[in-house]
Structures are given as structure tokens and as C-alpha cells.
Amino acid sequence: MHHTKRKWLPNLQKINILYKGKKRKAYVCTKCLKAGKVQKAL
């Protein structure tokens, strides 16, 4: 059994999002952004 100690971390980006109607900075993974799970604040 050959195991590696490498950790597979998500690609997190700190962006402005809309949370409960207010603008807020948060760390969001790029997969969530592409899937439309998080609404980006403009």
C-alpha cells in the first residue's frame, strides 16, 4: 500500500458575496462559484 501525505485542498478565493441581502467578504471555493451556489456581489 503506497500512500502519500499530500493534502488535497479546495481552491478557495476571498470574494465579495451577497449574504442575506448584504455585501460580505468570504472564502468560497471555485467549484461553488461555477455551480452558482454562491451569488457574487457586484
PDB file of N, CA and C in Angstrom:
ATOM      1  N   MET A   1       0.842  -1.175   0.000  1.00  0.00           N
ATOM      2  CA  MET A   1       0.000   0.000   0.000  1.00  0.00           C
ATOM      3  C   MET A   1       0.890   1.241   0.000  1.00  0.00           C
ATOM      4  N   HIS A   2       0.810   2.010  -1.069  1.00  0.00           N
ATOM      5  CA  HIS A   2       1.603   3.226  -1.193  1.00  0.00           C
ATOM      6  C   HIS A   2       0.698   4.436  -0.989  1.00  0.00           C
ATOM      7  N   HIS A   3       0.848   5.089   0.142  1.00  0.00           N
ATOM      8  CA  HIS A   3       0.062   6.283   0.428  1.00  0.00           C
ATOM      9  C   HIS A   3       0.963   7.503   0.418  1.00  0.00           C
ATOM     10  N   THR A   4       0.369   8.622   0.089  1.00  0.00           N
ATOM     11  CA  THR A   4       1.110   9.871   0.076  1.00  0.00           C
ATOM     12  C   THR A   4       0.569  10.784   1.171  1.00  0.00           C
ATOM     13  N   LYS A   5       1.394  11.680   1.653  1.00  0.00           N
ATOM     14  CA  LYS A   5       0.973  12.595   2.707  1.00  0.00           C
ATOM     15  C   LYS A   5       0.430  13.905   2.143  1.00  0.00           C
ATOM     16  N   ARG A   6       0.283  13.960   0.816  1.00  0.00           N
ATOM     17  CA  ARG A   6      -0.218  15.174   0.176  1.00  0.00           C
ATOM     18  C   ARG A   6      -1.663  15.396   0.556  1.00  0.00           C
ATOM     19  N   LYS A   7      -2.017  16.655   0.858  1.00  0.00           N
ATOM     20  CA  LYS A   7      -3.398  17.016   1.179  1.00  0.00           C
ATOM     21  C   LYS A   7      -4.041  17.642  -0.048  1.00  0.00           C
ATOM     22  N   TRP A   8      -5.252  17.219  -0.359  1.00  0.00           N
ATOM     23  CA  TRP A   8      -5.997  17.771  -1.493  1.00  0.00           C
ATOM     24  C   TRP A   8      -6.928  18.847  -0.952  1.00  0.00           C
ATOM     25  N   LEU A   9      -6.490  20.103  -1.081  1.00  0.00           N
ATOM     26  CA  LEU A   9      -7.244  21.229  -0.549  1.00  0.00           C
ATOM     27  C   LEU A   9      -8.092  21.890  -1.632  1.00  0.00           C
ATOM     28  N   PRO A  10      -9.248  22.448  -1.256  1.00  0.00           N
ATOM     29  CA  PRO A  10     -10.079  23.145  -2.243  1.00  0.00           C
ATOM     30  C   PRO A  10      -9.447  24.467  -2.658  1.00  0.00           C
ATOM     31  N   ASN A  11      -9.788  24.924  -3.853  1.00  0.00           N
ATOM     32  CA  ASN A  11      -9.286  26.191  -4.388  1.00  0.00           C
ATOM     33  C   ASN A  11     -10.171  27.314  -3.845  1.00  0.00           C
ATOM     34  N   LEU A  12      -9.747  27.938  -2.748  1.00  0.00           N
ATOM     35  CA  LEU A  12     -10.537  28.983  -2.100  1.00  0.00           C
ATOM     36  C   LEU A  12     -10.114  30.367  -2.576  1.00  0.00           C
ATOM     37  N   GLN A  13     -11.109  31.214  -2.804  1.00  0.00           N
ATOM     38  CA  GLN A  13     -10.885  32.594  -3.217  1.00  0.00           C
ATOM     39  C   GLN A  13     -11.656  33.504  -2.261  1.00  0.00           C
ATOM     40  N   LYS A  14     -11.037  34.621  -1.850  1.00  0.00           N
ATOM     41  CA  LYS A  14     -11.732  35.580  -0.998  1.00  0.00           C
ATOM     42  C   LYS A  14     -12.417  36.596  -1.895  1.00  0.00           C
ATOM     43  N   ILE A  15     -13.753  36.562  -1.913  1.00  0.00           N
ATOM     44  CA  ILE A  15     -14.523  37.435  -2.792  1.00  0.00           C
ATOM     45  C   ILE A  15     -15.675  38.068  -2.022  1.00  0.00           C
ATOM     46  N   ASN A  16     -16.270  39.096  -2.628  1.00  0.00           N
ATOM     47  CA  ASN A  16     -17.471  39.724  -2.083  1.00  0.00           C
ATOM     48  C   ASN A  16     -18.680  38.924  -2.544  1.00  0.00           C
ATOM     49  N   ILE A  17     -19.508  38.512  -1.596  1.00  0.00           N
ATOM     50  CA  ILE A  17     -20.717  37.764  -1.920  1.00  0.00           C
ATOM     51  C   ILE A  17     -21.921  38.479  -1.318  1.00  0.00           C
ATOM     52  N   LEU A  18     -23.097  38.116  -1.804  1.00  0.00           N
ATOM     53  CA  LEU A  18     -24.340  38.613  -1.213  1.00  0.00           C
ATOM     54  C   LEU A  18     -24.817  37.576  -0.208  1.00  0.00           C
ATOM     55  N   TYR A  19     -24.910  37.981   1.067  1.00  0.00           N
ATOM     56  CA  TYR A  19     -25.349  37.086   2.125  1.00  0.00           C
ATOM     57  C   TYR A  19     -26.482  37.763   2.877  1.00  0.00           C
ATOM     58  N   LYS A  20     -27.673  37.208   2.766  1.00  0.00           N
ATOM     59  CA  LYS A  20     -28.888  37.774   3.374  1.00  0.00           C
ATOM     60  C   LYS A  20     -29.110  39.213   2.921  1.00  0.00           C
ATOM     61  N   GLY A  21     -28.854  39.470   1.639  1.00  0.00           N
ATOM     62  CA  GLY A  21     -29.097  40.783   1.053  1.00  0.00           C
ATOM     63  C   GLY A  21     -28.013  41.812   1.318  1.00  0.00           C
ATOM     64  N   LYS A  22     -26.938  41.414   1.997  1.00  0.00           N
ATOM     65  CA  LYS A  22     -25.853  42.345   2.305  1.00  0.00           C
ATOM     66  C   LYS A  22     -24.545  41.861   1.686  1.00  0.00           C
ATOM     67  N   LYS A  23     -23.690  42.828   1.381  1.00  0.00           N
ATOM     68  CA  LYS A  23     -22.393  42.532   0.802  1.00  0.00           C
ATOM     69  C   LYS A  23     -21.441  42.071   1.910  1.00  0.00           C
ATOM     70  N   ARG A  24     -20.712  40.988   1.654  1.00  0.00           N
ATOM     71  CA  ARG A  24     -19.826  40.435   2.672  1.00  0.00           C
ATOM     72  C   ARG A  24     -18.655  39.714   2.016  1.00  0.00           C
ATOM     73  N   LYS A  25     -17.472  39.789   2.617  1.00  0.00           N
ATOM     74  CA  LYS A  25     -16.311  39.067   2.096  1.00  0.00           C
ATOM     75  C   LYS A  25     -16.269  37.679   2.722  1.00  0.00           C
ATOM     76  N   ALA A  26     -15.984  36.687   1.878  1.00  0.00           N
ATOM     77  CA  ALA A  26     -15.928  35.319   2.374  1.00  0.00           C
ATOM     78  C   ALA A  26     -15.019  34.494   1.480  1.00  0.00           C
ATOM     79  N   TYR A  27     -14.521  33.390   2.028  1.00  0.00           N
ATOM     80  CA  TYR A  27     -13.732  32.443   1.249  1.00  0.00           C
ATOM     81  C   TYR A  27     -14.694  31.445   0.622  1.00  0.00           C
ATOM     82  N   VAL A  28     -14.634  31.337  -0.709  1.00  0.00           N
ATOM     83  CA  VAL A  28     -15.538  30.461  -1.451  1.00  0.00           C
ATOM     84  C   VAL A  28     -14.716  29.626  -2.412  1.00  0.00           C
ATOM     85  N   CYS A  29     -15.043  28.351  -2.544  1.00  0.00           N
ATOM     86  CA  CYS A  29     -14.315  27.503  -3.488  1.00  0.00           C
ATOM     87  C   CYS A  29     -14.787  27.806  -4.913  1.00  0.00           C
ATOM     88  N   THR A  30     -13.903  27.617  -5.868  1.00  0.00           N
ATOM     89  CA  THR A  30     -14.205  27.946  -7.258  1.00  0.00           C
ATOM     90  C   THR A  30     -15.286  27.033  -7.830  1.00  0.00           C
ATOM     91  N   LYS A  31     -15.393  25.814  -7.319  1.00  0.00           N
ATOM     92  CA  LYS A  31     -16.450  24.911  -7.791  1.00  0.00           C
ATOM     93  C   LYS A  31     -17.832  25.453  -7.433  1.00  0.00           C
ATOM     94  N   CYS A  32     -17.946  26.051  -6.246  1.00  0.00           N
ATOM     95  CA  CYS A  32     -19.223  26.638  -5.818  1.00  0.00           C
ATOM     96  C   CYS A  32     -19.565  27.857  -6.655  1.00  0.00           C
ATOM     97  N   LEU A  33     -18.559  28.650  -7.021  1.00  0.00           N
ATOM     98  CA  LEU A  33     -18.788  29.819  -7.864  1.00  0.00           C
ATOM     99  C   LEU A  33     -19.286  29.408  -9.249  1.00  0.00           C
ATOM    100  N   LYS A  34     -18.645  28.396  -9.835  1.00  0.00           N
ATOM    101  CA  LYS A  34     -19.036  27.932 -11.163  1.00  0.00           C
ATOM    102  C   LYS A  34     -20.419  27.297 -11.163  1.00  0.00           C
ATOM    103  N   ALA A  35     -20.752  26.586 -10.081  1.00  0.00           N
ATOM    104  CA  ALA A  35     -22.033  25.898  -9.987  1.00  0.00           C
ATOM    105  C   ALA A  35     -23.181  26.850  -9.681  1.00  0.00           C
ATOM    106  N   GLY A  36     -22.866  28.081  -9.284  1.00  0.00           N
ATOM    107  CA  GLY A  36     -23.922  29.053  -8.984  1.00  0.00           C
ATOM    108  C   GLY A  36     -24.494  28.906  -7.595  1.00  0.00           C
ATOM    109  N   LYS A  37     -23.781  28.239  -6.695  1.00  0.00           N
ATOM    110  CA  LYS A  37     -24.250  28.053  -5.329  1.00  0.00           C
ATOM    111  C   LYS A  37     -24.112  29.327  -4.508  1.00  0.00           C
ATOM    112  N   VAL A  38     -23.217  30.228  -4.960  1.00  0.00           N
ATOM    113  CA  VAL A  38     -22.970  31.489  -4.260  1.00  0.00           C
ATOM    114  C   VAL A  38     -23.162  32.629  -5.251  1.00  0.00           C
ATOM    115  N   GLN A  39     -23.848  33.688  -4.814  1.00  0.00           N
ATOM    116  CA  GLN A  39     -24.062  34.834  -5.688  1.00  0.00           C
ATOM    117  C   GLN A  39     -22.995  35.876  -5.413  1.00  0.00           C
ATOM    118  N   LYS A  40     -22.246  36.233  -6.454  1.00  0.00           N
ATOM    119  CA  LYS A  40     -21.175  37.201  -6.351  1.00  0.00           C
ATOM    120  C   LYS A  40     -21.756  38.613  -6.321  1.00  0.00           C
ATOM    121  N   ALA A  41     -21.275  39.447  -5.383  1.00  0.00           N
ATOM    122  CA  ALA A  41     -21.740  40.826  -5.275  1.00  0.00           C
ATOM    123  C   ALA A  41     -20.990  41.694  -6.288  1.00  0.00           C
ATOM    124  N   LEU A  42     -21.731  42.555  -6.966  1.00  0.00           N
ATOM    125  CA  LEU A  42     -21.104  43.431  -7.964  1.00  0.00           C
ATOM    126  C   LEU A  42     -20.902  44.800  -7.421  1.00  0.00           C
TER     127      LEU A  42
END
